[in-house]
Amino acid sequence: MKAPYEKVQIEPFNYAVSLIGGKWKMQILFWLWKDEIMRYSEIKKALGNVTHKMLSNKLKELEADALIIRHEYPGVPPKVEYYLSEKGKSLMPVLQSICLWGHEHFPETLSGKG
């Protein structure tokens, strides 16, 4: 008889986590969800202490996974904007659920009230 965990198809879960796993990807998606269109410098400012290399890598990964769209306008210097793709937008109910859970379970000691 198979163990219960052997009946579970883990691949779809692993795929989803691979797209959004890590500290910065979810935060980038969050800010693009809230602000809709952002330039690189705006994303960097919103994230705070992310390094240039890390942000650049995560944006490239999110673009390669078709979760965000990078639009470059011609000019000197070129203007680049990022926004959620349709695939990225389809993740927003999941992100909204995580935000709601965070609001419901946020420790009072971290809110500055405790």
PDB file of N, CA and C in Angstrom:
ATOM      1  N   MET A   1       0.845  -1.181   0.000  1.00  0.00           N
ATOM      2  CA  MET A   1       0.000   0.000   0.000  1.00  0.00           C
ATOM      3  C   MET A   1       0.890   1.244   0.000  1.00  0.00           C
ATOM      4  N   LYS A   2       0.528   2.232  -0.829  1.00  0.00           N
ATOM      5  CA  LYS A   2       1.300   3.464  -0.909  1.00  0.00           C
ATOM      6  C   LYS A   2       1.022   4.346   0.303  1.00  0.00           C
ATOM      7  N   ALA A   3       2.075   5.038   0.720  1.00  0.00           N
ATOM      8  CA  ALA A   3       1.900   6.036   1.775  1.00  0.00           C
ATOM      9  C   ALA A   3       1.075   7.194   1.209  1.00  0.00           C
ATOM     10  N   PRO A   4       0.283   7.897   2.052  1.00  0.00           N
ATOM     11  CA  PRO A   4      -0.582   8.984   1.559  1.00  0.00           C
ATOM     12  C   PRO A   4       0.177  10.048   0.765  1.00  0.00           C
ATOM     13  N   TYR A   5       1.401  10.354   1.154  1.00  0.00           N
ATOM     14  CA  TYR A   5       2.154  11.396   0.448  1.00  0.00           C
ATOM     15  C   TYR A   5       2.571  10.965  -0.950  1.00  0.00           C
ATOM     16  N   GLU A   6       2.585   9.679  -1.232  1.00  0.00           N
ATOM     17  CA  GLU A   6       2.945   9.200  -2.566  1.00  0.00           C
ATOM     18  C   GLU A   6       1.815   9.417  -3.566  1.00  0.00           C
ATOM     19  N   LYS A   7       0.599   9.634  -3.090  1.00  0.00           N
ATOM     20  CA  LYS A   7      -0.549   9.862  -3.959  1.00  0.00           C
ATOM     21  C   LYS A   7      -0.680  11.330  -4.347  1.00  0.00           C
ATOM     22  N   VAL A   8       0.039  12.201  -3.678  1.00  0.00           N
ATOM     23  CA  VAL A   8      -0.063  13.637  -3.919  1.00  0.00           C
ATOM     24  C   VAL A   8       0.811  14.031  -5.104  1.00  0.00           C
ATOM     25  N   GLN A   9       0.227  14.770  -6.016  1.00  0.00           N
ATOM     26  CA  GLN A   9       0.994  15.264  -7.155  1.00  0.00           C
ATOM     27  C   GLN A   9       1.602  16.610  -6.748  1.00  0.00           C
ATOM     28  N   ILE A  10       2.872  16.597  -6.389  1.00  0.00           N
ATOM     29  CA  ILE A  10       3.554  17.761  -5.849  1.00  0.00           C
ATOM     30  C   ILE A  10       4.076  18.708  -6.930  1.00  0.00           C
ATOM     31  N   GLU A  11       4.203  18.240  -8.154  1.00  0.00           N
ATOM     32  CA  GLU A  11       4.824  19.043  -9.215  1.00  0.00           C
ATOM     33  C   GLU A  11       4.159  20.401  -9.435  1.00  0.00           C
ATOM     34  N   PRO A  12       2.821  20.496  -9.496  1.00  0.00           N
ATOM     35  CA  PRO A  12       2.215  21.817  -9.684  1.00  0.00           C
ATOM     36  C   PRO A  12       2.540  22.786  -8.542  1.00  0.00           C
ATOM     37  N   PHE A  13       2.550  22.281  -7.327  1.00  0.00           N
ATOM     38  CA  PHE A  13       2.917  23.119  -6.180  1.00  0.00           C
ATOM     39  C   PHE A  13       4.365  23.573  -6.305  1.00  0.00           C
ATOM     40  N   ASN A  14       5.262  22.650  -6.617  1.00  0.00           N
ATOM     41  CA  ASN A  14       6.679  22.996  -6.767  1.00  0.00           C
ATOM     42  C   ASN A  14       6.875  24.026  -7.873  1.00  0.00           C
ATOM     43  N   TYR A  15       6.131  23.879  -8.963  1.00  0.00           N
ATOM     44  CA  TYR A  15       6.214  24.840 -10.061  1.00  0.00           C
ATOM     45  C   TYR A  15       5.807  26.234  -9.589  1.00  0.00           C
ATOM     46  N   ALA A  16       4.675  26.322  -8.923  1.00  0.00           N
ATOM     47  CA  ALA A  16       4.192  27.622  -8.447  1.00  0.00           C
ATOM     48  C   ALA A  16       5.191  28.259  -7.478  1.00  0.00           C
ATOM     49  N   VAL A  17       5.703  27.478  -6.557  1.00  0.00           N
ATOM     50  CA  VAL A  17       6.669  28.001  -5.587  1.00  0.00           C
ATOM     51  C   VAL A  17       7.950  28.438  -6.286  1.00  0.00           C
ATOM     52  N   SER A  18       8.358  27.724  -7.319  1.00  0.00           N
ATOM     53  CA  SER A  18       9.583  28.105  -8.031  1.00  0.00           C
ATOM     54  C   SER A  18       9.436  29.465  -8.705  1.00  0.00           C
ATOM     55  N   LEU A  19       8.225  29.824  -9.102  1.00  0.00           N
ATOM     56  CA  LEU A  19       7.994  31.107  -9.757  1.00  0.00           C
ATOM     57  C   LEU A  19       7.997  32.279  -8.787  1.00  0.00           C
ATOM     58  N   ILE A  20       7.531  32.040  -7.566  1.00  0.00           N
ATOM     59  CA  ILE A  20       7.355  33.153  -6.627  1.00  0.00           C
ATOM     60  C   ILE A  20       8.172  33.005  -5.356  1.00  0.00           C
ATOM     61  N   GLY A  21       8.962  31.935  -5.263  1.00  0.00           N
ATOM     62  CA  GLY A  21       9.728  31.676  -4.050  1.00  0.00           C
ATOM     63  C   GLY A  21      10.816  32.709  -3.808  1.00  0.00           C
ATOM     64  N   GLY A  22      11.239  32.806  -2.581  1.00  0.00           N
ATOM     65  CA  GLY A  22      12.280  33.746  -2.203  1.00  0.00           C
ATOM     66  C   GLY A  22      11.692  35.050  -1.710  1.00  0.00           C
ATOM     67  N   LYS A  23      12.540  35.849  -1.130  1.00  0.00           N
ATOM     68  CA  LYS A  23      12.088  37.086  -0.497  1.00  0.00           C
ATOM     69  C   LYS A  23      11.597  38.137  -1.485  1.00  0.00           C
ATOM     70  N   TRP A  24      12.294  38.359  -2.568  1.00  0.00           N
ATOM     71  CA  TRP A  24      12.036  39.541  -3.380  1.00  0.00           C
ATOM     72  C   TRP A  24      10.954  39.379  -4.434  1.00  0.00           C
ATOM     73  N   LYS A  25      10.752  38.196  -4.953  1.00  0.00           N
ATOM     74  CA  LYS A  25       9.776  38.037  -6.037  1.00  0.00           C
ATOM     75  C   LYS A  25       8.359  38.405  -5.598  1.00  0.00           C
ATOM     76  N   MET A  26       7.947  37.907  -4.453  1.00  0.00           N
ATOM     77  CA  MET A  26       6.598  38.215  -3.964  1.00  0.00           C
ATOM     78  C   MET A  26       6.457  39.707  -3.683  1.00  0.00           C
ATOM     79  N   GLN A  27       7.504  40.319  -3.159  1.00  0.00           N
ATOM     80  CA  GLN A  27       7.442  41.754  -2.869  1.00  0.00           C
ATOM     81  C   GLN A  27       7.367  42.567  -4.157  1.00  0.00           C
ATOM     82  N   ILE A  28       8.124  42.174  -5.170  1.00  0.00           N
ATOM     83  CA  ILE A  28       8.054  42.860  -6.467  1.00  0.00           C
ATOM     84  C   ILE A  28       6.651  42.735  -7.035  1.00  0.00           C
ATOM     85  N   LEU A  29       6.097  41.537  -7.022  1.00  0.00           N
ATOM     86  CA  LEU A  29       4.734  41.325  -7.515  1.00  0.00           C
ATOM     87  C   LEU A  29       3.723  42.154  -6.722  1.00  0.00           C
ATOM     88  N   PHE A  30       3.914  42.226  -5.407  1.00  0.00           N
ATOM     89  CA  PHE A  30       3.021  43.024  -4.548  1.00  0.00           C
ATOM     90  C   PHE A  30       3.009  44.482  -4.998  1.00  0.00           C
ATOM     91  N   TRP A  31       4.202  45.062  -5.179  1.00  0.00           N
ATOM     92  CA  TRP A  31       4.266  46.478  -5.549  1.00  0.00           C
ATOM     93  C   TRP A  31       3.717  46.722  -6.949  1.00  0.00           C
ATOM     94  N   LEU A  32       3.953  45.809  -7.871  1.00  0.00           N
ATOM     95  CA  LEU A  32       3.388  45.972  -9.209  1.00  0.00           C
ATOM     96  C   LEU A  32       1.872  45.810  -9.185  1.00  0.00           C
ATOM     97  N   TRP A  33       1.377  45.019  -8.266  1.00  0.00           N
ATOM     98  CA  TRP A  33      -0.073  44.868  -8.082  1.00  0.00           C
ATOM     99  C   TRP A  33      -0.657  46.179  -7.562  1.00  0.00           C
ATOM    100  N   LYS A  34       0.022  46.784  -6.607  1.00  0.00           N
ATOM    101  CA  LYS A  34      -0.489  48.009  -5.988  1.00  0.00           C
ATOM    102  C   LYS A  34      -0.311  49.236  -6.879  1.00  0.00           C
ATOM    103  N   ASP A  35       0.838  49.371  -7.520  1.00  0.00           N
ATOM    104  CA  ASP A  35       1.133  50.576  -8.303  1.00  0.00           C
ATOM    105  C   ASP A  35       0.924  50.387  -9.808  1.00  0.00           C
ATOM    106  N   GLU A  36       0.695  49.179 -10.252  1.00  0.00           N
ATOM    107  CA  GLU A  36       0.400  48.804 -11.637  1.00  0.00           C
ATOM    108  C   GLU A  36       1.580  48.950 -12.596  1.00  0.00           C
ATOM    109  N   ILE A  37       2.148  50.134 -12.718  1.00  0.00           N
ATOM    110  CA  ILE A  37       3.300  50.355 -13.601  1.00  0.00           C
ATOM    111  C   ILE A  37       4.375  51.062 -12.788  1.00  0.00           C
ATOM    112  N   MET A  38       5.576  50.481 -12.810  1.00  0.00           N
ATOM    113  CA  MET A  38       6.671  51.072 -12.040  1.00  0.00           C
ATOM    114  C   MET A  38       7.966  51.031 -12.840  1.00  0.00           C
ATOM    115  N   ARG A  39       8.777  52.032 -12.627  1.00  0.00           N
ATOM    116  CA  ARG A  39      10.115  52.037 -13.193  1.00  0.00           C
ATOM    117  C   ARG A  39      11.046  51.319 -12.218  1.00  0.00           C
ATOM    118  N   TYR A  40      12.208  50.930 -12.722  1.00  0.00           N
ATOM    119  CA  TYR A  40      13.184  50.197 -11.909  1.00  0.00           C
ATOM    120  C   TYR A  40      13.475  50.933 -10.600  1.00  0.00           C
ATOM    121  N   SER A  41      13.757  52.227 -10.684  1.00  0.00           N
ATOM    122  CA  SER A  41      14.116  52.996  -9.493  1.00  0.00           C
ATOM    123  C   SER A  41      12.975  53.039  -8.477  1.00  0.00           C
ATOM    124  N   GLU A  42      11.740  53.052  -8.949  1.00  0.00           N
ATOM    125  CA  GLU A  42      10.588  53.049  -8.040  1.00  0.00           C
ATOM    126  C   GLU A  42      10.469  51.712  -7.315  1.00  0.00           C
ATOM    127  N   ILE A  43      10.718  50.631  -8.042  1.00  0.00           N
ATOM    128  CA  ILE A  43      10.669  49.305  -7.416  1.00  0.00           C
ATOM    129  C   ILE A  43      11.771  49.199  -6.372  1.00  0.00           C
ATOM    130  N   LYS A  44      12.966  49.640  -6.728  1.00  0.00           N
ATOM    131  CA  LYS A  44      14.102  49.574  -5.802  1.00  0.00           C
ATOM    132  C   LYS A  44      13.809  50.378  -4.539  1.00  0.00           C
ATOM    133  N   LYS A  45      13.248  51.556  -4.693  1.00  0.00           N
ATOM    134  CA  LYS A  45      12.907  52.396  -3.542  1.00  0.00           C
ATOM    135  C   LYS A  45      11.831  51.734  -2.680  1.00  0.00           C
ATOM    136  N   ALA A  46      10.831  51.148  -3.314  1.00  0.00           N
ATOM    137  CA  ALA A  46       9.747  50.494  -2.569  1.00  0.00           C
ATOM    138  C   ALA A  46      10.254  49.298  -1.768  1.00  0.00           C
ATOM    139  N   LEU A  47      11.233  48.571  -2.312  1.00  0.00           N
ATOM    140  CA  LEU A  47      11.749  47.375  -1.635  1.00  0.00           C
ATOM    141  C   LEU A  47      12.722  47.703  -0.504  1.00  0.00           C
ATOM    142  N   GLY A  48      13.345  48.837  -0.579  1.00  0.00           N
ATOM    143  CA  GLY A  48      14.277  49.200   0.491  1.00  0.00           C
ATOM    144  C   GLY A  48      15.681  48.686   0.252  1.00  0.00           C
ATOM    145  N   ASN A  49      16.104  47.702   1.024  1.00  0.00           N
ATOM    146  CA  ASN A  49      17.521  47.303   1.037  1.00  0.00           C
ATOM    147  C   ASN A  49      17.894  46.208   0.033  1.00  0.00           C
ATOM    148  N   VAL A  50      17.190  46.081  -1.062  1.00  0.00           N
ATOM    149  CA  VAL A  50      17.566  45.113  -2.095  1.00  0.00           C
ATOM    150  C   VAL A  50      18.762  45.664  -2.878  1.00  0.00           C
ATOM    151  N   THR A  51      19.692  44.787  -3.239  1.00  0.00           N
ATOM    152  CA  THR A  51      20.845  45.225  -4.033  1.00  0.00           C
ATOM    153  C   THR A  51      20.450  45.349  -5.499  1.00  0.00           C
ATOM    154  N   HIS A  52      21.222  46.122  -6.230  1.00  0.00           N
ATOM    155  CA  HIS A  52      20.975  46.294  -7.669  1.00  0.00           C
ATOM    156  C   HIS A  52      21.022  44.943  -8.380  1.00  0.00           C
ATOM    157  N   LYS A  53      22.032  44.140  -8.072  1.00  0.00           N
ATOM    158  CA  LYS A  53      22.195  42.834  -8.729  1.00  0.00           C
ATOM    159  C   LYS A  53      21.007  41.915  -8.425  1.00  0.00           C
ATOM    160  N   MET A  54      20.582  41.873  -7.174  1.00  0.00           N
ATOM    161  CA  MET A  54      19.467  41.010  -6.784  1.00  0.00           C
ATOM    162  C   MET A  54      18.176  41.451  -7.470  1.00  0.00           C
ATOM    163  N   LEU A  55      17.898  42.759  -7.447  1.00  0.00           N
ATOM    164  CA  LEU A  55      16.676  43.253  -8.084  1.00  0.00           C
ATOM    165  C   LEU A  55      16.701  42.987  -9.580  1.00  0.00           C
ATOM    166  N   SER A  56      17.806  43.253 -10.204  1.00  0.00           N
ATOM    167  CA  SER A  56      17.939  43.015 -11.637  1.00  0.00           C
ATOM    168  C   SER A  56      17.703  41.545 -11.973  1.00  0.00           C
ATOM    169  N   ASN A  57      18.305  40.648 -11.195  1.00  0.00           N
ATOM    170  CA  ASN A  57      18.122  39.206 -11.417  1.00  0.00           C
ATOM    171  C   ASN A  57      16.674  38.781 -11.230  1.00  0.00           C
ATOM    172  N   LYS A  58      16.038  39.260 -10.164  1.00  0.00           N
ATOM    173  CA  LYS A  58      14.657  38.856  -9.879  1.00  0.00           C
ATOM    174  C   LYS A  58      13.699  39.384 -10.944  1.00  0.00           C
ATOM    175  N   LEU A  59      13.926  40.612 -11.413  1.00  0.00           N
ATOM    176  CA  LEU A  59      13.088  41.148 -12.486  1.00  0.00           C
ATOM    177  C   LEU A  59      13.247  40.318 -13.758  1.00  0.00           C
ATOM    178  N   LYS A  60      14.471  39.918 -14.074  1.00  0.00           N
ATOM    179  CA  LYS A  60      14.709  39.082 -15.256  1.00  0.00           C
ATOM    180  C   LYS A  60      14.029  37.727 -15.114  1.00  0.00           C
ATOM    181  N   GLU A  61      14.087  37.137 -13.915  1.00  0.00           N
ATOM    182  CA  GLU A  61      13.438  35.844 -13.678  1.00  0.00           C
ATOM    183  C   GLU A  61      11.922  35.958 -13.806  1.00  0.00           C
ATOM    184  N   LEU A  62      11.350  37.011 -13.221  1.00  0.00           N
ATOM    185  CA  LEU A  62       9.901  37.201 -13.306  1.00  0.00           C
ATOM    186  C   LEU A  62       9.464  37.438 -14.751  1.00  0.00           C
ATOM    187  N   GLU A  63      10.284  38.150 -15.500  1.00  0.00           N
ATOM    188  CA  GLU A  63       9.981  38.372 -16.917  1.00  0.00           C
ATOM    189  C   GLU A  63      10.105  37.063 -17.705  1.00  0.00           C
ATOM    190  N   ALA A  64      11.154  36.295 -17.451  1.00  0.00           N
ATOM    191  CA  ALA A  64      11.356  35.016 -18.143  1.00  0.00           C
ATOM    192  C   ALA A  64      10.222  34.041 -17.842  1.00  0.00           C
ATOM    193  N   ASP A  65       9.660  34.114 -16.644  1.00  0.00           N
ATOM    194  CA  ASP A  65       8.551  33.250 -16.255  1.00  0.00           C
ATOM    195  C   ASP A  65       7.198  33.827 -16.677  1.00  0.00           C
ATOM    196  N   ALA A  66       7.243  34.942 -17.396  1.00  0.00           N
ATOM    197  CA  ALA A  66       6.044  35.585 -17.955  1.00  0.00           C
ATOM    198  C   ALA A  66       5.078  36.097 -16.891  1.00  0.00           C
ATOM    199  N   LEU A  67       5.594  36.469 -15.706  1.00  0.00           N
ATOM    200  CA  LEU A  67       4.747  37.040 -14.669  1.00  0.00           C
ATOM    201  C   LEU A  67       4.706  38.559 -14.753  1.00  0.00           C
ATOM    202  N   ILE A  68       5.763  39.151 -15.308  1.00  0.00           N
ATOM    203  CA  ILE A  68       5.787  40.592 -15.501  1.00  0.00           C
ATOM    204  C   ILE A  68       6.204  40.893 -16.936  1.00  0.00           C
ATOM    205  N   ILE A  69       5.903  42.114 -17.341  1.00  0.00           N
ATOM    206  CA  ILE A  69       6.296  42.588 -18.666  1.00  0.00           C
ATOM    207  C   ILE A  69       7.229  43.777 -18.474  1.00  0.00           C
ATOM    208  N   ARG A  70       8.311  43.747 -19.220  1.00  0.00           N
ATOM    209  CA  ARG A  70       9.284  44.851 -19.227  1.00  0.00           C
ATOM    210  C   ARG A  70       9.093  45.585 -20.543  1.00  0.00           C
ATOM    211  N   HIS A  71       8.766  46.867 -20.445  1.00  0.00           N
ATOM    212  CA  HIS A  71       8.558  47.675 -21.654  1.00  0.00           C
ATOM    213  C   HIS A  71       9.603  48.777 -21.681  1.00  0.00           C
ATOM    214  N   GLU A  72      10.393  48.782 -22.746  1.00  0.00           N
ATOM    215  CA  GLU A  72      11.442  49.783 -22.892  1.00  0.00           C
ATOM    216  C   GLU A  72      11.041  50.789 -23.963  1.00  0.00           C
ATOM    217  N   TYR A  73      11.059  52.062 -23.591  1.00  0.00           N
ATOM    218  CA  TYR A  73      10.756  53.138 -24.524  1.00  0.00           C
ATOM    219  C   TYR A  73      12.068  53.665 -25.091  1.00  0.00           C
ATOM    220  N   PRO A  74      12.107  53.976 -26.376  1.00  0.00           N
ATOM    221  CA  PRO A  74      13.350  54.500 -26.947  1.00  0.00           C
ATOM    222  C   PRO A  74      13.670  55.879 -26.379  1.00  0.00           C
ATOM    223  N   GLY A  75      14.920  56.169 -26.308  1.00  0.00           N
ATOM    224  CA  GLY A  75      15.360  57.462 -25.806  1.00  0.00           C
ATOM    225  C   GLY A  75      16.700  57.319 -25.130  1.00  0.00           C
ATOM    226  N   VAL A  76      17.260  58.460 -24.763  1.00  0.00           N
ATOM    227  CA  VAL A  76      18.536  58.465 -24.060  1.00  0.00           C
ATOM    228  C   VAL A  76      18.352  59.269 -22.788  1.00  0.00           C
ATOM    229  N   PRO A  77      18.449  58.670 -21.623  1.00  0.00           N
ATOM    230  CA  PRO A  77      18.561  57.227 -21.418  1.00  0.00           C
ATOM    231  C   PRO A  77      17.216  56.551 -21.690  1.00  0.00           C
ATOM    232  N   PRO A  78      17.236  55.245 -21.993  1.00  0.00           N
ATOM    233  CA  PRO A  78      15.963  54.563 -22.269  1.00  0.00           C
ATOM    234  C   PRO A  78      15.099  54.513 -21.007  1.00  0.00           C
ATOM    235  N   LYS A  79      13.809  54.678 -21.204  1.00  0.00           N
ATOM    236  CA  LYS A  79      12.847  54.587 -20.103  1.00  0.00           C
ATOM    237  C   LYS A  79      12.298  53.165 -20.092  1.00  0.00           C
ATOM    238  N   VAL A  80      12.359  52.515 -18.930  1.00  0.00           N
ATOM    239  CA  VAL A  80      11.890  51.144 -18.802  1.00  0.00           C
ATOM    240  C   VAL A  80      10.810  51.093 -17.728  1.00  0.00           C
ATOM    241  N   GLU A  81       9.699  50.454 -18.048  1.00  0.00           N
ATOM    242  CA  GLU A  81       8.611  50.259 -17.097  1.00  0.00           C
ATOM    243  C   GLU A  81       8.303  48.776 -16.968  1.00  0.00           C
ATOM    244  N   TYR A  82       7.845  48.405 -15.787  1.00  0.00           N
ATOM    245  CA  TYR A  82       7.456  47.028 -15.490  1.00  0.00           C
ATOM    246  C   TYR A  82       5.999  47.015 -15.064  1.00  0.00           C
ATOM    247  N   TYR A  83       5.293  45.961 -15.467  1.00  0.00           N
ATOM    248  CA  TYR A  83       3.917  45.774 -15.023  1.00  0.00           C
ATOM    249  C   TYR A  83       3.575  44.290 -15.081  1.00  0.00           C
ATOM    250  N   LEU A  84       2.498  43.924 -14.421  1.00  0.00           N
ATOM    251  CA  LEU A  84       2.082  42.522 -14.375  1.00  0.00           C
ATOM    252  C   LEU A  84       1.536  42.081 -15.726  1.00  0.00           C
ATOM    253  N   SER A  85       1.897  40.867 -16.120  1.00  0.00           N
ATOM    254  CA  SER A  85       1.295  40.242 -17.299  1.00  0.00           C
ATOM    255  C   SER A  85      -0.059  39.659 -16.884  1.00  0.00           C
ATOM    256  N   GLU A  86      -0.782  39.134 -17.850  1.00  0.00           N
ATOM    257  CA  GLU A  86      -2.048  38.463 -17.507  1.00  0.00           C
ATOM    258  C   GLU A  86      -1.780  37.271 -16.584  1.00  0.00           C
ATOM    259  N   LYS A  87      -0.708  36.548 -16.844  1.00  0.00           N
ATOM    260  CA  LYS A  87      -0.341  35.420 -15.976  1.00  0.00           C
ATOM    261  C   LYS A  87      -0.026  35.926 -14.572  1.00  0.00           C
ATOM    262  N   GLY A  88       0.696  37.041 -14.485  1.00  0.00           N
ATOM    263  CA  GLY A  88       1.003  37.635 -13.181  1.00  0.00           C
ATOM    264  C   GLY A  88      -0.255  38.102 -12.467  1.00  0.00           C
ATOM    265  N   LYS A  89      -1.159  38.718 -13.217  1.00  0.00           N
ATOM    266  CA  LYS A  89      -2.422  39.182 -12.627  1.00  0.00           C
ATOM    267  C   LYS A  89      -3.238  38.008 -12.091  1.00  0.00           C
ATOM    268  N   SER A  90      -3.104  36.848 -12.729  1.00  0.00           N
ATOM    269  CA  SER A  90      -3.865  35.687 -12.269  1.00  0.00           C
ATOM    270  C   SER A  90      -3.390  35.190 -10.904  1.00  0.00           C
ATOM    271  N   LEU A  91      -2.204  35.616 -10.490  1.00  0.00           N
ATOM    272  CA  LEU A  91      -1.680  35.273  -9.161  1.00  0.00           C
ATOM    273  C   LEU A  91      -2.200  36.198  -8.060  1.00  0.00           C
ATOM    274  N   MET A  92      -2.798  37.311  -8.426  1.00  0.00           N
ATOM    275  CA  MET A  92      -3.173  38.311  -7.441  1.00  0.00           C
ATOM    276  C   MET A  92      -4.200  37.842  -6.415  1.00  0.00           C
ATOM    277  N   PRO A  93      -5.160  36.985  -6.762  1.00  0.00           N
ATOM    278  CA  PRO A  93      -6.034  36.461  -5.697  1.00  0.00           C
ATOM    279  C   PRO A  93      -5.247  35.684  -4.635  1.00  0.00           C
ATOM    280  N   VAL A  94      -4.207  34.984  -5.055  1.00  0.00           N
ATOM    281  CA  VAL A  94      -3.354  34.263  -4.103  1.00  0.00           C
ATOM    282  C   VAL A  94      -2.617  35.268  -3.218  1.00  0.00           C
ATOM    283  N   LEU A  95      -2.054  36.301  -3.842  1.00  0.00           N
ATOM    284  CA  LEU A  95      -1.348  37.332  -3.095  1.00  0.00           C
ATOM    285  C   LEU A  95      -2.296  38.057  -2.140  1.00  0.00           C
ATOM    286  N   GLN A  96      -3.509  38.301  -2.600  1.00  0.00           N
ATOM    287  CA  GLN A  96      -4.502  38.964  -1.755  1.00  0.00           C
ATOM    288  C   GLN A  96      -4.845  38.087  -0.546  1.00  0.00           C
ATOM    289  N   SER A  97      -4.947  36.794  -0.746  1.00  0.00           N
ATOM    290  CA  SER A  97      -5.211  35.880   0.371  1.00  0.00           C
ATOM    291  C   SER A  97      -4.066  35.891   1.373  1.00  0.00           C
ATOM    292  N   ILE A  98      -2.837  35.942   0.885  1.00  0.00           N
ATOM    293  CA  ILE A  98      -1.672  36.003   1.776  1.00  0.00           C
ATOM    294  C   ILE A  98      -1.691  37.313   2.562  1.00  0.00           C
ATOM    295  N   CYS A  99      -2.035  38.419   1.887  1.00  0.00           N
ATOM    296  CA  CYS A  99      -2.118  39.718   2.577  1.00  0.00           C
ATOM    297  C   CYS A  99      -3.193  39.681   3.663  1.00  0.00           C
ATOM    298  N   LEU A 100      -4.332  39.133   3.349  1.00  0.00           N
ATOM    299  CA  LEU A 100      -5.420  39.030   4.321  1.00  0.00           C
ATOM    300  C   LEU A 100      -4.990  38.189   5.515  1.00  0.00           C
ATOM    301  N   TRP A 101      -4.355  37.057   5.249  1.00  0.00           N
ATOM    302  CA  TRP A 101      -3.862  36.207   6.328  1.00  0.00           C
ATOM    303  C   TRP A 101      -2.869  36.991   7.189  1.00  0.00           C
ATOM    304  N   GLY A 102      -1.985  37.739   6.552  1.00  0.00           N
ATOM    305  CA  GLY A 102      -1.010  38.544   7.289  1.00  0.00           C
ATOM    306  C   GLY A 102      -1.676  39.578   8.184  1.00  0.00           C
ATOM    307  N   HIS A 103      -2.724  40.233   7.662  1.00  0.00           N
ATOM    308  CA  HIS A 103      -3.459  41.210   8.477  1.00  0.00           C
ATOM    309  C   HIS A 103      -4.113  40.542   9.685  1.00  0.00           C
ATOM    310  N   GLU A 104      -4.668  39.369   9.478  1.00  0.00           N
ATOM    311  CA  GLU A 104      -5.378  38.675  10.548  1.00  0.00           C
ATOM    312  C   GLU A 104      -4.442  38.114  11.610  1.00  0.00           C
ATOM    313  N   HIS A 105      -3.206  37.813  11.250  1.00  0.00           N
ATOM    314  CA  HIS A 105      -2.292  37.148  12.176  1.00  0.00           C
ATOM    315  C   HIS A 105      -1.052  37.966  12.513  1.00  0.00           C
ATOM    316  N   PHE A 106      -1.014  39.221  12.088  1.00  0.00           N
ATOM    317  CA  PHE A 106       0.150  40.067  12.333  1.00  0.00           C
ATOM    318  C   PHE A 106       0.321  40.275  13.834  1.00  0.00           C
ATOM    319  N   PRO A 107       1.485  39.935  14.378  1.00  0.00           N
ATOM    320  CA  PRO A 107       1.686  40.079  15.833  1.00  0.00           C
ATOM    321  C   PRO A 107       1.654  41.546  16.255  1.00  0.00           C
ATOM    322  N   GLU A 108       0.895  41.822  17.279  1.00  0.00           N
ATOM    323  CA  GLU A 108       0.786  43.181  17.789  1.00  0.00           C
ATOM    324  C   GLU A 108       2.153  43.738  18.195  1.00  0.00           C
ATOM    325  N   THR A 109       3.033  42.870  18.623  1.00  0.00           N
ATOM    326  CA  THR A 109       4.366  43.317  19.061  1.00  0.00           C
ATOM    327  C   THR A 109       5.179  43.888  17.904  1.00  0.00           C
ATOM    328  N   LEU A 110       4.855  43.531  16.661  1.00  0.00           N
ATOM    329  CA  LEU A 110       5.580  44.044  15.503  1.00  0.00           C
ATOM    330  C   LEU A 110       4.948  45.320  14.944  1.00  0.00           C
ATOM    331  N   SER A 111       3.757  45.649  15.366  1.00  0.00           N
ATOM    332  CA  SER A 111       3.044  46.787  14.798  1.00  0.00           C
ATOM    333  C   SER A 111       3.429  48.104  15.434  1.00  0.00           C
ATOM    334  N   GLY A 112       4.248  48.075  16.471  1.00  0.00           N
ATOM    335  CA  GLY A 112       4.617  49.303  17.154  1.00  0.00           C
ATOM    336  C   GLY A 112       3.616  49.694  18.221  1.00  0.00           C
ATOM    337  N   LYS A 113       2.547  48.901  18.364  1.00  0.00           N
ATOM    338  CA  LYS A 113       1.515  49.193  19.364  1.00  0.00           C
ATOM    339  C   LYS A 113       1.795  48.498  20.690  1.00  0.00           C
ATOM    340  N   GLY A 114       2.630  47.438  20.608  1.00  0.00           N
ATOM    341  CA  GLY A 114       2.862  46.624  21.792  1.00  0.00           C
ATOM    342  C   GLY A 114       4.032  47.035  22.624  1.00  0.00           C
TER     343      GLY A 114
END
